[in-house]
Protein backbone atom coordinates (compact mmCIF):
# COMPACT_ATOMS: atom_id res chain seq x y z
CA UNK A 1 45.23 -47.93 -29.79
CA UNK A 2 42.67 -45.16 -29.38
CA UNK A 3 43.67 -41.76 -30.87
CA UNK A 4 43.01 -38.44 -29.21
CA UNK A 5 42.86 -34.77 -30.25
CA UNK A 6 46.67 -34.33 -30.30
CA UNK A 7 47.04 -37.23 -32.78
CA UNK A 8 44.50 -35.55 -35.07
CA UNK A 9 46.35 -32.15 -34.70
CA UNK A 10 49.65 -33.77 -35.64
CA UNK A 11 48.23 -35.61 -38.64
CA UNK A 12 46.52 -32.40 -39.94
CA UNK A 13 49.45 -30.17 -39.16
CA UNK A 14 47.46 -27.81 -36.95
CA UNK A 15 47.02 -26.93 -33.30
CA UNK A 16 44.78 -28.83 -30.98
CA UNK A 17 42.74 -25.66 -30.59
CA UNK A 18 42.19 -25.62 -34.31
CA UNK A 19 41.11 -29.25 -34.30
CA UNK A 20 38.63 -28.47 -31.55
CA UNK A 21 37.19 -25.43 -33.49
CA UNK A 22 36.99 -27.36 -36.73
CA UNK A 23 35.23 -30.46 -35.44
CA UNK A 24 32.87 -28.41 -33.35
CA UNK A 25 31.89 -25.98 -36.08
CA UNK A 26 33.33 -22.88 -34.39
CA UNK A 27 34.40 -19.87 -36.46
CA UNK A 28 37.89 -18.63 -37.49
CA UNK A 29 38.73 -21.90 -39.44
CA UNK A 30 39.08 -21.88 -43.18
CA UNK A 31 37.13 -24.37 -45.17
CA UNK A 32 40.36 -26.06 -46.37
CA UNK A 33 41.63 -26.48 -42.89
CA UNK A 34 38.27 -27.78 -41.60
CA UNK A 35 38.25 -30.40 -44.39
CA UNK A 36 41.91 -31.40 -43.60
CA UNK A 37 41.05 -31.82 -39.91
CA UNK A 38 37.96 -33.88 -40.59
CA UNK A 39 39.87 -36.10 -43.07
CA UNK A 40 42.58 -36.74 -40.47
CA UNK A 41 39.98 -37.45 -37.73
CA UNK A 42 38.15 -39.91 -40.08
CA UNK A 43 41.43 -41.72 -40.96
CA UNK A 44 42.28 -42.07 -37.23
CA UNK A 45 38.78 -43.03 -36.27
CA UNK A 46 38.60 -39.97 -33.90
CA UNK A 47 35.37 -38.27 -32.83
CA UNK A 48 35.08 -35.55 -30.15
CA UNK A 49 34.37 -37.72 -27.11
CA UNK A 50 32.71 -35.36 -24.71
CA UNK A 51 29.15 -35.57 -26.03
CA UNK A 52 25.91 -36.04 -24.15
CA UNK A 53 25.69 -39.62 -25.33
CA UNK A 54 29.11 -40.52 -24.14
CA UNK A 55 28.87 -39.09 -20.62
CA UNK A 56 27.43 -41.30 -17.82
CA UNK A 57 24.49 -40.15 -15.80
CA UNK A 58 25.24 -38.25 -12.62
CA UNK A 59 27.69 -35.90 -14.31
CA UNK A 60 27.58 -32.28 -13.05
CA UNK A 61 28.63 -30.98 -16.53
CA UNK A 62 30.73 -28.42 -14.64
CA UNK A 63 34.50 -27.91 -14.68
CA UNK A 64 36.20 -26.40 -11.65
CA UNK A 65 38.52 -23.53 -12.75
CA UNK A 66 41.21 -22.49 -10.23
CA UNK A 67 43.04 -19.28 -10.90
CA UNK A 68 44.62 -16.42 -8.85
CA UNK A 69 43.28 -13.65 -11.12
CA UNK A 70 40.66 -13.10 -13.80
CA UNK A 71 41.54 -9.42 -14.76
CA UNK A 72 45.11 -9.95 -15.94
CA UNK A 73 45.65 -10.43 -19.62
CA UNK A 74 46.94 -14.01 -19.61
CA UNK A 75 44.36 -15.33 -17.17
CA UNK A 76 41.45 -13.59 -18.83
CA UNK A 77 42.34 -14.96 -22.27
CA UNK A 78 42.96 -18.53 -21.08
CA UNK A 79 39.60 -18.45 -19.10
CA UNK A 80 37.71 -17.03 -22.18
CA UNK A 81 39.15 -19.82 -24.39
CA UNK A 82 38.30 -22.50 -21.88
CA UNK A 83 34.83 -21.27 -21.25
CA UNK A 84 34.06 -21.16 -25.03
CA UNK A 85 35.23 -24.73 -25.49
CA UNK A 86 33.16 -25.93 -22.53
CA UNK A 87 30.09 -24.06 -23.68
CA UNK A 88 30.11 -25.87 -26.93
CA UNK A 89 29.74 -29.05 -25.02
CA UNK A 90 27.12 -27.65 -22.64
CA UNK A 91 29.54 -27.56 -19.77
CA UNK A 92 29.80 -24.75 -17.26
CA UNK A 93 32.86 -23.44 -15.37
CA UNK A 94 32.89 -23.03 -11.64
CA UNK A 95 35.40 -20.31 -10.92
CA UNK A 96 37.55 -20.59 -7.83
CA UNK A 97 39.76 -17.54 -7.41
CA UNK A 98 42.28 -16.40 -4.79
CA UNK A 99 43.05 -13.06 -3.36
CA UNK A 100 46.81 -12.68 -4.06
CA UNK A 101 48.21 -9.99 -1.84
CA UNK A 102 51.76 -8.84 -1.93
CA UNK A 103 51.84 -8.54 1.82
CA UNK A 104 50.21 -11.79 2.79
CA UNK A 105 51.00 -15.30 1.68
CA UNK A 106 48.02 -16.77 -0.31
CA UNK A 107 45.73 -19.28 1.26
CA UNK A 108 46.16 -22.93 0.27
CA UNK A 109 43.79 -24.61 -2.16
CA UNK A 110 40.94 -26.35 -0.41
CA UNK A 111 39.77 -29.24 -2.64
CA UNK A 112 36.62 -29.77 -0.53
CA UNK A 113 34.99 -26.69 -2.24
CA UNK A 114 35.01 -28.76 -5.44
CA UNK A 115 34.02 -32.14 -4.09
CA UNK A 116 30.91 -33.51 -5.83
CA UNK A 117 30.42 -30.26 -7.64
CA UNK A 118 32.62 -30.74 -10.79
CA UNK A 119 33.63 -33.43 -13.23
CA UNK A 120 37.19 -32.18 -13.75
CA UNK A 121 39.55 -29.39 -12.58
CA UNK A 122 41.49 -26.78 -14.69
CA UNK A 123 44.30 -24.87 -12.85
CA UNK A 124 45.24 -21.69 -14.69
CA UNK A 125 48.48 -19.96 -13.94
CA UNK A 126 48.65 -20.90 -10.30
CA UNK A 127 51.90 -22.73 -9.19
CA UNK A 128 50.70 -25.21 -6.60
CA UNK A 129 52.84 -26.90 -4.03
CA UNK A 130 53.13 -30.68 -4.21
CA UNK A 131 50.79 -31.16 -1.26
CA UNK A 132 48.14 -29.06 -2.95
CA UNK A 133 48.43 -30.98 -6.19
CA UNK A 134 48.12 -34.27 -4.34
CA UNK A 135 45.01 -32.96 -2.50
CA UNK A 136 43.36 -32.16 -5.78
CA UNK A 137 44.35 -35.49 -7.25
CA UNK A 138 42.68 -37.16 -4.25
CA UNK A 139 39.34 -35.94 -5.56
CA UNK A 140 39.88 -38.44 -8.43
CA UNK A 141 38.83 -35.96 -11.07
CA UNK A 142 40.74 -35.31 -14.31
CA UNK A 143 43.23 -32.55 -13.71
CA UNK A 144 44.90 -30.20 -16.31
CA UNK A 145 47.26 -27.34 -15.65
CA UNK A 146 47.73 -24.25 -17.80
CA UNK A 147 51.07 -22.47 -17.52
CA UNK A 148 52.24 -23.86 -14.22
CA UNK A 149 51.93 -27.66 -14.08
CA UNK A 150 53.68 -29.81 -11.56
CA UNK A 151 56.05 -32.59 -12.92
CA UNK A 152 54.17 -35.61 -14.18
CA UNK A 153 50.85 -33.77 -14.55
CA UNK A 154 48.98 -32.95 -17.76
CA UNK A 155 50.09 -29.40 -18.67
CA UNK A 156 49.51 -26.89 -21.43
CA UNK A 157 51.90 -24.03 -21.61
CA UNK A 158 55.18 -22.51 -22.99
CA UNK A 159 58.74 -23.34 -23.03
CA UNK A 160 59.39 -20.55 -20.65
CA UNK A 161 63.14 -21.00 -20.53
CA UNK A 162 63.50 -20.82 -24.35
CA UNK A 163 61.08 -17.90 -24.47
CA UNK A 164 63.27 -15.91 -22.02
CA UNK A 165 66.48 -16.81 -23.75
CA UNK A 166 65.10 -15.58 -27.11
CA UNK A 167 64.09 -12.24 -25.62
CA UNK A 168 67.42 -11.78 -23.83
CA UNK A 169 69.25 -12.87 -27.00
CA UNK A 170 67.40 -10.20 -28.98
CA UNK A 171 68.53 -7.48 -26.55
CA UNK A 172 72.11 -8.84 -26.40
CA UNK A 173 72.37 -9.10 -30.22
CA UNK A 174 71.44 -5.28 -30.32
CA UNK A 175 74.50 -4.68 -28.18
CA UNK A 176 73.03 -4.41 -24.72
CA UNK A 177 75.12 -5.78 -21.76
CA UNK A 178 73.37 -4.55 -18.60
CA UNK A 179 70.05 -6.34 -19.26
CA UNK A 180 67.79 -6.38 -16.20
CA UNK A 181 64.88 -8.83 -15.48
CA UNK A 182 61.51 -8.01 -13.94
CA UNK A 183 60.28 -11.34 -12.44
CA UNK A 184 57.12 -12.34 -10.57
CA UNK A 185 56.24 -12.58 -6.94
CA UNK A 186 59.03 -12.91 -4.32
CA UNK A 187 57.49 -16.11 -2.86
CA UNK A 188 56.97 -17.68 -6.19
CA UNK A 189 59.86 -20.10 -6.07
CA UNK A 190 58.43 -23.46 -7.24
CA UNK A 191 60.67 -24.91 -10.03
CA UNK A 192 57.71 -25.49 -12.39
CA UNK A 193 56.49 -21.79 -12.04
CA UNK A 194 56.68 -19.84 -15.34
CA UNK A 195 58.26 -16.90 -13.45
CA UNK A 196 61.02 -19.10 -12.07
CA UNK A 197 61.63 -20.68 -15.45
CA UNK A 198 61.73 -17.32 -17.25
CA UNK A 199 64.24 -16.08 -14.67
CA UNK A 200 66.29 -19.20 -15.42
CA UNK A 201 66.14 -18.52 -19.05
CA UNK A 202 67.30 -14.88 -18.65
CA UNK A 203 70.17 -16.00 -16.31
CA UNK A 204 71.16 -18.82 -18.70
CA UNK A 205 71.39 -16.57 -21.76
CA UNK A 206 73.23 -13.87 -19.85
CA UNK A 207 75.73 -16.35 -18.56
CA UNK A 208 76.17 -17.98 -21.94
CA UNK A 209 77.13 -14.54 -23.35
CA UNK A 210 79.46 -13.74 -20.45
CA UNK A 211 77.22 -11.08 -19.09
CA UNK A 212 76.92 -10.35 -15.29
CA UNK A 213 73.50 -10.74 -13.60
CA UNK A 214 74.24 -9.53 -10.08
CA UNK A 215 71.83 -6.90 -8.93
CA UNK A 216 69.84 -6.90 -12.23
CA UNK A 217 66.82 -9.06 -11.12
CA UNK A 218 63.81 -7.58 -9.31
CA UNK A 219 60.26 -8.74 -8.60
CA UNK A 220 57.50 -6.86 -10.49
CA UNK A 221 54.49 -8.80 -9.30
CA UNK A 222 53.15 -9.41 -12.72
CA UNK A 223 51.14 -6.24 -12.97
CA UNK A 224 51.61 -2.65 -14.30
CA UNK A 225 51.90 -1.08 -10.78
CA UNK A 226 54.39 -3.61 -9.70
CA UNK A 227 56.47 -3.20 -12.89
CA UNK A 228 56.51 0.58 -12.40
CA UNK A 229 57.57 0.46 -8.83
CA UNK A 230 60.19 -2.25 -9.40
CA UNK A 231 61.68 -0.37 -12.31
CA UNK A 232 62.16 2.70 -10.18
CA UNK A 233 63.84 0.59 -7.48
CA UNK A 234 66.02 -1.07 -10.01
CA UNK A 235 67.23 2.18 -11.54
CA UNK A 236 68.02 3.47 -8.15
CA UNK A 237 70.54 0.70 -7.60
CA UNK A 238 71.60 0.15 -11.26
CA UNK A 239 71.42 3.34 -13.22
CA UNK A 240 73.65 1.71 -15.85
CA UNK A 241 70.81 -0.57 -17.10
CA UNK A 242 70.23 -0.18 -20.84
CA UNK A 243 67.63 -2.95 -21.37
CA UNK A 244 64.93 -4.83 -19.49
CA UNK A 245 63.41 -8.20 -20.11
CA UNK A 246 60.01 -8.23 -18.21
CA UNK A 247 58.32 -11.65 -17.58
CA UNK A 248 54.95 -10.14 -18.72
CA UNK A 249 53.70 -7.37 -20.94
CA UNK A 250 51.95 -5.75 -18.01
CA UNK A 251 55.22 -5.45 -16.06
CA UNK A 252 56.89 -4.20 -19.28
CA UNK A 253 54.22 -1.44 -19.53
CA UNK A 254 54.84 -0.50 -15.94
CA UNK A 255 58.62 -0.38 -16.64
CA UNK A 256 57.91 2.04 -19.54
CA UNK A 257 55.84 4.26 -17.33
CA UNK A 258 58.67 4.36 -14.75
CA UNK A 259 61.24 5.29 -17.38
CA UNK A 260 58.91 8.12 -18.56
CA UNK A 261 58.62 9.28 -14.88
CA UNK A 262 62.35 9.76 -14.87
CA UNK A 263 62.54 11.47 -18.20
CA UNK A 264 64.14 8.58 -19.87
CA UNK A 265 63.25 7.56 -23.44
CA UNK A 266 62.38 4.19 -24.72
CA UNK A 267 64.25 2.78 -26.64
CA UNK A 268 66.78 5.66 -26.82
CA UNK A 269 67.89 5.26 -23.26
CA UNK A 270 66.47 1.94 -22.19
CA UNK A 271 65.02 -0.99 -24.39
CA UNK A 272 62.09 -3.01 -23.04
CA UNK A 273 60.87 -6.47 -24.01
CA UNK A 274 57.83 -8.29 -22.55
CA UNK A 275 56.05 -11.59 -22.74
CA UNK A 276 52.38 -12.23 -23.80
CA UNK A 277 51.01 -10.28 -26.82
CA UNK A 278 48.81 -7.93 -24.78
CA UNK A 279 46.56 -5.89 -27.11
CA UNK A 280 47.82 -2.66 -25.58
CA UNK A 281 51.36 -3.71 -26.56
CA UNK A 282 50.77 -2.75 -30.14
CA UNK A 283 49.51 0.68 -29.20
CA UNK A 284 52.63 1.22 -26.98
CA UNK A 285 55.03 -0.20 -29.58
CA UNK A 286 56.17 -2.89 -27.17
CA UNK A 287 58.49 -5.61 -28.39
CA UNK A 288 57.35 -8.83 -26.95
CA UNK A 289 57.33 -12.68 -26.99
CA UNK A 290 53.87 -13.36 -28.25
CA UNK A 291 51.85 -16.37 -26.96
CA UNK A 292 48.28 -17.57 -27.84
CA UNK A 293 46.66 -17.62 -24.39
CA UNK A 294 43.17 -18.07 -25.76
CA UNK A 295 44.02 -21.25 -27.66
CA UNK A 296 45.84 -22.59 -24.64
CA UNK A 297 42.51 -22.33 -22.77
CA UNK A 298 40.66 -24.05 -25.69
CA UNK A 299 43.23 -26.90 -25.74
CA UNK A 300 43.29 -27.44 -21.98
CA UNK A 301 39.51 -27.53 -21.76
CA UNK A 302 39.27 -29.85 -24.78
CA UNK A 303 41.86 -32.12 -23.19
CA UNK A 304 40.02 -32.12 -19.91
CA UNK A 305 36.74 -33.15 -21.57
CA UNK A 306 38.64 -35.94 -23.41
CA UNK A 307 40.00 -37.13 -20.04
CA UNK A 308 36.50 -37.24 -18.53
CA UNK A 309 35.50 -39.95 -20.97
CA UNK A 310 38.74 -41.78 -20.76
CA UNK A 311 40.23 -40.71 -24.09
CA UNK A 312 44.07 -40.42 -24.28
CA UNK A 313 45.82 -37.10 -24.02
CA UNK A 314 49.51 -36.13 -24.03
CA UNK A 315 51.28 -35.33 -20.81
CA UNK A 316 52.33 -31.90 -22.10
CA UNK A 317 51.26 -29.59 -24.99
CA UNK A 318 53.85 -26.80 -25.54
CA UNK A 319 52.68 -23.66 -27.41
CA UNK A 320 55.12 -21.66 -29.34
CA UNK A 321 56.11 -17.99 -28.70
CA UNK A 322 57.22 -15.63 -31.44
CA UNK A 323 59.36 -12.51 -30.99
CA UNK A 324 57.48 -9.49 -32.39
CA UNK A 325 59.83 -6.47 -32.72
CA UNK A 326 58.33 -3.08 -32.24
CA UNK A 327 59.61 0.25 -31.27
CA UNK A 328 60.64 -0.43 -27.61
CA UNK A 329 63.96 -2.02 -28.49
CA UNK A 330 67.01 -0.64 -30.39
CA UNK A 331 70.70 -0.64 -30.16
CA UNK A 332 71.99 1.19 -27.06
CA UNK A 333 72.39 4.89 -27.76
CA UNK A 334 75.42 5.24 -25.48
CA UNK A 335 77.43 2.91 -23.40
CA UNK A 336 76.83 3.67 -19.82
CA UNK A 337 79.62 3.22 -17.24
């Protein structure tokens, strides 16, 4: 049986992104790790398959990259990682973005814009409806999702439910009971969407601890402005909130701004937890569930290149998240009634 990059990663005890960097001579890999990866690859008979010699003539050497945003932290980091992995193999990325407007439903993906222009498709952080996924598959190009893959499709991402439950458990263990949740877009309701799964995790952990959830969830639109506006609206209806779990660091930052607007102190009056590992989070003292978005991009692009040449890849690669405690969470100062 042919072995792929994930088999090498498992044998070497490293991530697929590290395997990709080690075998392609990229920086940020120690000599010992590089040697361990090379030894595992040799033992398994694995070589990076997407090389000029292994690709048939007529290839475009271009990957279609579909994403709703490029400026948001998660998307920017995934795209950077993917582009770097592609560049090493002399591939380009054809960026296909959407204007996501809170007032208007987004346009559907049109696969014809990619036809005969790419060798594979990478979908980053965009939950697609089943009909859209099927339309992309009809192009008969390899297809990989990052963060929001439909069932049965190759996906790189997080265990969003477990991530949310860990964040909520941290707040509950500190003694918080009215723990609110800032979620994503109101029309983001597909069951494989990270926003939906994080909301499920929040709800599951609250329920498991006997805590009420009614009136504590609100949509923050995954940006700072949305988090700020939503936090104001939430406090108007639930002034008893002592903690907030935001589904992204940017929304968490917006929530902190809203609390400051009202003269409330973090974490003295309200504790805040986010998800991502945004660089600004450290400056703000934000407690967060850290993920490695850059390496998710490297891994997804590497897997896509493997698929182009027919090499095996796993149906799903799950990246870990780690709770990093900073100054935005603490025990509740007083019990609000």
